[in-house]
Amino acid sequence: MTEMIQLLWPFVLMFAIFYFLLIRPQQKKQKARATMLRALGKGDKVVTIGGLHGTIVEITDDIIVLLVNDATKLTFDRSAISQGVRTDVESK
């Protein structure tokens, strides 16, 4: 029985290392992204996965319509939003 525990110990240690270095950080990123996507609202400035910058003009559960310039509106899935753009930065 002791030999079996000694054989399993390195595998348990490797799993713990993988969990803390790979799995846990990825889960945190996914949770933060899901929170960001839920918090989106009309008027928010966002960047899509493809790098397109725009302002949200319409939003539903799974569809977002972005105003890209003064007259161009594009429709995206909510999952296509990469990040929100901070607007609280003061200009100098």
C-alpha atoms as a PDB file:
ATOM      1  CA  MET A   1       0.000   0.000   0.000  1.00  0.00           C
ATOM      2  CA  THR A   2       2.831   2.386   0.841  1.00  0.00           C
ATOM      3  CA  GLU A   3       4.479   1.671  -2.512  1.00  0.00           C
ATOM      4  CA  MET A   4       1.275   2.559  -4.333  1.00  0.00           C
ATOM      5  CA  ILE A   5       1.040   5.908  -2.523  1.00  0.00           C
ATOM      6  CA  GLN A   6       4.675   6.610  -3.385  1.00  0.00           C
ATOM      7  CA  LEU A   7       3.935   5.886  -7.051  1.00  0.00           C
ATOM      8  CA  LEU A   8       0.861   8.151  -7.113  1.00  0.00           C
ATOM      9  CA  TRP A   9       2.468  11.099  -5.314  1.00  0.00           C
ATOM     10  CA  PRO A  10       4.284  12.502  -8.415  1.00  0.00           C
ATOM     11  CA  PHE A  11       1.058  12.344 -10.446  1.00  0.00           C
ATOM     12  CA  VAL A  12      -0.881  14.185  -7.762  1.00  0.00           C
ATOM     13  CA  LEU A  13       1.866  16.807  -7.612  1.00  0.00           C
ATOM     14  CA  MET A  14       1.843  17.221 -11.419  1.00  0.00           C
ATOM     15  CA  PHE A  15      -1.946  17.615 -11.450  1.00  0.00           C
ATOM     16  CA  ALA A  16      -1.730  20.283  -8.744  1.00  0.00           C
ATOM     17  CA  ILE A  17       0.913  22.177 -10.721  1.00  0.00           C
ATOM     18  CA  PHE A  18      -1.158  21.988 -13.922  1.00  0.00           C
ATOM     19  CA  TYR A  19      -4.243  23.141 -12.060  1.00  0.00           C
ATOM     20  CA  PHE A  20      -2.615  26.231 -10.560  1.00  0.00           C
ATOM     21  CA  LEU A  21      -0.568  27.180 -13.636  1.00  0.00           C
ATOM     22  CA  LEU A  22      -2.976  26.360 -16.484  1.00  0.00           C
ATOM     23  CA  ILE A  23      -6.538  25.461 -15.535  1.00  0.00           C
ATOM     24  CA  ARG A  24      -7.289  28.009 -12.794  1.00  0.00           C
ATOM     25  CA  PRO A  25      -6.014  31.102 -14.668  1.00  0.00           C
ATOM     26  CA  GLN A  26      -8.020  30.074 -17.766  1.00  0.00           C
ATOM     27  CA  GLN A  27     -11.181  29.703 -15.671  1.00  0.00           C
ATOM     28  CA  LYS A  28     -10.609  33.184 -14.205  1.00  0.00           C
ATOM     29  CA  LYS A  29     -10.249  34.667 -17.700  1.00  0.00           C
ATOM     30  CA  GLN A  30     -13.457  32.980 -18.869  1.00  0.00           C
ATOM     31  CA  LYS A  31     -15.353  34.230 -15.834  1.00  0.00           C
ATOM     32  CA  ALA A  32     -14.084  37.803 -16.301  1.00  0.00           C
ATOM     33  CA  ARG A  33     -15.049  37.734 -20.004  1.00  0.00           C
ATOM     34  CA  ALA A  34     -18.548  36.424 -19.230  1.00  0.00           C
ATOM     35  CA  THR A  35     -18.994  39.178 -16.625  1.00  0.00           C
ATOM     36  CA  MET A  36     -17.855  41.818 -19.127  1.00  0.00           C
ATOM     37  CA  LEU A  37     -20.262  40.522 -21.807  1.00  0.00           C
ATOM     38  CA  ARG A  38     -23.200  40.542 -19.358  1.00  0.00           C
ATOM     39  CA  ALA A  39     -22.413  44.107 -18.278  1.00  0.00           C
ATOM     40  CA  LEU A  40     -22.484  45.568 -21.800  1.00  0.00           C
ATOM     41  CA  GLY A  41     -25.138  48.173 -22.484  1.00  0.00           C
ATOM     42  CA  LYS A  42     -26.275  50.775 -24.974  1.00  0.00           C
ATOM     43  CA  GLY A  43     -23.688  53.490 -25.538  1.00  0.00           C
ATOM     44  CA  ASP A  44     -20.691  51.387 -24.468  1.00  0.00           C
ATOM     45  CA  LYS A  45     -17.652  51.568 -26.704  1.00  0.00           C
ATOM     46  CA  VAL A  46     -16.282  48.126 -27.587  1.00  0.00           C
ATOM     47  CA  VAL A  47     -13.739  46.338 -29.760  1.00  0.00           C
ATOM     48  CA  THR A  48     -14.670  43.167 -31.639  1.00  0.00           C
ATOM     49  CA  ILE A  49     -12.464  40.099 -31.922  1.00  0.00           C
ATOM     50  CA  GLY A  50     -11.551  41.287 -35.420  1.00  0.00           C
ATOM     51  CA  GLY A  51     -10.380  44.670 -34.102  1.00  0.00           C
ATOM     52  CA  LEU A  52     -13.373  46.769 -35.189  1.00  0.00           C
ATOM     53  CA  HIS A  53     -14.128  49.669 -32.833  1.00  0.00           C
ATOM     54  CA  GLY A  54     -17.696  50.843 -32.373  1.00  0.00           C
ATOM     55  CA  THR A  55     -20.442  52.018 -30.050  1.00  0.00           C
ATOM     56  CA  ILE A  56     -23.360  49.794 -29.069  1.00  0.00           C
ATOM     57  CA  VAL A  57     -26.667  51.182 -30.365  1.00  0.00           C
ATOM     58  CA  GLU A  58     -28.861  48.081 -29.941  1.00  0.00           C
ATOM     59  CA  ILE A  59     -28.400  45.028 -27.763  1.00  0.00           C
ATOM     60  CA  THR A  60     -30.363  41.808 -27.179  1.00  0.00           C
ATOM     61  CA  ASP A  61     -29.497  38.555 -25.444  1.00  0.00           C
ATOM     62  CA  ASP A  62     -27.212  37.372 -28.231  1.00  0.00           C
ATOM     63  CA  ILE A  63     -27.027  40.165 -30.844  1.00  0.00           C
ATOM     64  CA  ILE A  64     -25.246  43.522 -30.684  1.00  0.00           C
ATOM     65  CA  VAL A  65     -25.543  46.313 -33.264  1.00  0.00           C
ATOM     66  CA  LEU A  66     -22.529  48.621 -33.407  1.00  0.00           C
ATOM     67  CA  LEU A  67     -22.362  52.128 -34.819  1.00  0.00           C
ATOM     68  CA  VAL A  68     -18.979  52.244 -36.541  1.00  0.00           C
ATOM     69  CA  ASN A  69     -19.042  55.761 -37.961  1.00  0.00           C
ATOM     70  CA  ASP A  70     -21.803  58.341 -38.274  1.00  0.00           C
ATOM     71  CA  ALA A  71     -24.006  56.162 -40.504  1.00  0.00           C
ATOM     72  CA  THR A  72     -22.711  52.589 -40.570  1.00  0.00           C
ATOM     73  CA  LYS A  73     -24.348  50.008 -38.307  1.00  0.00           C
ATOM     74  CA  LEU A  74     -23.005  46.455 -38.144  1.00  0.00           C
ATOM     75  CA  THR A  75     -24.580  43.455 -36.416  1.00  0.00           C
ATOM     76  CA  PHE A  76     -22.472  41.037 -34.360  1.00  0.00           C
ATOM     77  CA  ASP A  77     -23.005  38.141 -32.012  1.00  0.00           C
ATOM     78  CA  ARG A  78     -22.412  39.127 -28.407  1.00  0.00           C
ATOM     79  CA  SER A  79     -19.575  36.582 -28.281  1.00  0.00           C
ATOM     80  CA  ALA A  80     -17.725  38.543 -31.014  1.00  0.00           C
ATOM     81  CA  ILE A  81     -16.987  41.366 -28.567  1.00  0.00           C
ATOM     82  CA  SER A  82     -13.412  41.213 -27.370  1.00  0.00           C
ATOM     83  CA  GLN A  83     -13.292  44.047 -24.861  1.00  0.00           C
ATOM     84  CA  GLY A  84     -14.832  47.257 -23.703  1.00  0.00           C
ATOM     85  CA  VAL A  85     -13.001  50.527 -24.289  1.00  0.00           C
ATOM     86  CA  ARG A  86     -12.346  52.721 -21.289  1.00  0.00           C
ATOM     87  CA  THR A  87     -13.887  56.139 -21.665  1.00  0.00           C
ATOM     88  CA  ASP A  88     -12.939  57.538 -18.257  1.00  0.00           C
ATOM     89  CA  VAL A  89      -9.430  58.558 -19.352  1.00  0.00           C
ATOM     90  CA  GLU A  90      -9.074  62.330 -19.240  1.00  0.00           C
ATOM     91  CA  SER A  91      -7.555  63.975 -22.291  1.00  0.00           C
ATOM     92  CA  LYS A  92      -4.552  66.228 -21.654  1.00  0.00           C
END
